[in-house]
Amino acid sequence: METMNVKEEARRLIDKLPENCTWDDLMYGIYIRQGVETGLADVKAGRIRTVEEVRNRFGLST
């Protein structure tokens, strides 16, 4: 994903919200967007683990 202007992206997010949205709705949208971007950056940087690795680390059955 290419780097985008934060203000432009914030405006797009706001424009997609319904007219009767709350501040919590806006903050949730920002939170989700930030989490997705962080996850994509982790994948791009190779900071990933397989489900099997995570299960083994926490002693969970497969």
C-alpha atoms as a PDB file:
ATOM      1  CA  MET A   1       0.000   0.000   0.000  1.00  0.00           C
ATOM      2  CA  GLU A   2       1.407   3.359  -0.941  1.00  0.00           C
ATOM      3  CA  THR A   3       1.749   6.087   1.630  1.00  0.00           C
ATOM      4  CA  MET A   4      -1.280   8.366   1.542  1.00  0.00           C
ATOM      5  CA  ASN A   5      -1.971  11.742   3.007  1.00  0.00           C
ATOM      6  CA  VAL A   6      -3.475  11.187   6.460  1.00  0.00           C
ATOM      7  CA  LYS A   7      -5.810  14.157   6.135  1.00  0.00           C
ATOM      8  CA  GLU A   8      -7.167  12.864   2.822  1.00  0.00           C
ATOM      9  CA  GLU A   9      -7.727   9.412   4.281  1.00  0.00           C
ATOM     10  CA  ALA A  10      -9.428  10.881   7.362  1.00  0.00           C
ATOM     11  CA  ARG A  11     -11.781  12.835   5.111  1.00  0.00           C
ATOM     12  CA  ARG A  12     -12.599   9.676   3.136  1.00  0.00           C
ATOM     13  CA  LEU A  13     -13.327   7.823   6.340  1.00  0.00           C
ATOM     14  CA  ILE A  14     -15.598  10.620   7.565  1.00  0.00           C
ATOM     15  CA  ASP A  15     -17.397  10.775   4.221  1.00  0.00           C
ATOM     16  CA  LYS A  16     -18.202   7.044   4.465  1.00  0.00           C
ATOM     17  CA  LEU A  17     -19.806   7.388   7.905  1.00  0.00           C
ATOM     18  CA  PRO A  18     -23.568   7.840   8.176  1.00  0.00           C
ATOM     19  CA  GLU A  19     -24.949  11.293   8.958  1.00  0.00           C
ATOM     20  CA  ASN A  20     -26.007  10.225  12.448  1.00  0.00           C
ATOM     21  CA  CYS A  21     -22.603   8.805  13.434  1.00  0.00           C
ATOM     22  CA  THR A  22     -21.040   9.439  16.825  1.00  0.00           C
ATOM     23  CA  TRP A  23     -17.522  10.355  17.884  1.00  0.00           C
ATOM     24  CA  ASP A  24     -17.159   6.742  18.976  1.00  0.00           C
ATOM     25  CA  ASP A  25     -18.002   5.591  15.437  1.00  0.00           C
ATOM     26  CA  LEU A  26     -15.280   7.836  14.040  1.00  0.00           C
ATOM     27  CA  MET A  27     -12.718   6.720  16.625  1.00  0.00           C
ATOM     28  CA  TYR A  28     -13.563   3.065  15.943  1.00  0.00           C
ATOM     29  CA  GLY A  29     -13.047   3.594  12.209  1.00  0.00           C
ATOM     30  CA  ILE A  30      -9.665   5.198  12.845  1.00  0.00           C
ATOM     31  CA  TYR A  31      -8.708   2.395  15.246  1.00  0.00           C
ATOM     32  CA  ILE A  32      -9.564  -0.301  12.698  1.00  0.00           C
ATOM     33  CA  ARG A  33      -7.762   1.526   9.890  1.00  0.00           C
ATOM     34  CA  GLN A  34      -4.630   1.943  12.000  1.00  0.00           C
ATOM     35  CA  GLY A  35      -4.670  -1.734  12.975  1.00  0.00           C
ATOM     36  CA  VAL A  36      -4.967  -2.855   9.367  1.00  0.00           C
ATOM     37  CA  GLU A  37      -2.115  -0.573   8.276  1.00  0.00           C
ATOM     38  CA  THR A  38       0.075  -1.824  11.125  1.00  0.00           C
ATOM     39  CA  GLY A  39      -0.659  -5.429  10.181  1.00  0.00           C
ATOM     40  CA  LEU A  40       0.151  -4.820   6.527  1.00  0.00           C
ATOM     41  CA  ALA A  41       3.429  -3.150   7.489  1.00  0.00           C
ATOM     42  CA  ASP A  42       4.302  -6.152   9.680  1.00  0.00           C
ATOM     43  CA  VAL A  43       3.638  -8.539   6.800  1.00  0.00           C
ATOM     44  CA  LYS A  44       5.731  -6.427   4.444  1.00  0.00           C
ATOM     45  CA  ALA A  45       8.602  -6.410   6.974  1.00  0.00           C
ATOM     46  CA  GLY A  46       8.359 -10.175   7.486  1.00  0.00           C
ATOM     47  CA  ARG A  47       7.146  -9.926  11.088  1.00  0.00           C
ATOM     48  CA  ILE A  48       4.651 -12.767  10.818  1.00  0.00           C
ATOM     49  CA  ARG A  49       4.082 -16.141  12.485  1.00  0.00           C
ATOM     50  CA  THR A  50       2.106 -19.131  11.292  1.00  0.00           C
ATOM     51  CA  VAL A  51      -0.903 -20.330  13.259  1.00  0.00           C
ATOM     52  CA  GLU A  52       1.077 -23.456  14.110  1.00  0.00           C
ATOM     53  CA  GLU A  53       3.951 -21.390  15.574  1.00  0.00           C
ATOM     54  CA  VAL A  54       1.560 -19.404  17.754  1.00  0.00           C
ATOM     55  CA  ARG A  55      -0.249 -22.535  18.946  1.00  0.00           C
ATOM     56  CA  ASN A  56       3.056 -24.204  19.838  1.00  0.00           C
ATOM     57  CA  ARG A  57       4.297 -21.132  21.684  1.00  0.00           C
ATOM     58  CA  PHE A  58       1.176 -20.978  23.856  1.00  0.00           C
ATOM     59  CA  GLY A  59       0.802 -24.748  24.244  1.00  0.00           C
ATOM     60  CA  LEU A  60      -2.456 -24.968  22.328  1.00  0.00           C
ATOM     61  CA  SER A  61      -3.540 -28.096  20.508  1.00  0.00           C
ATOM     62  CA  THR A  62      -3.558 -28.041  16.727  1.00  0.00           C
END
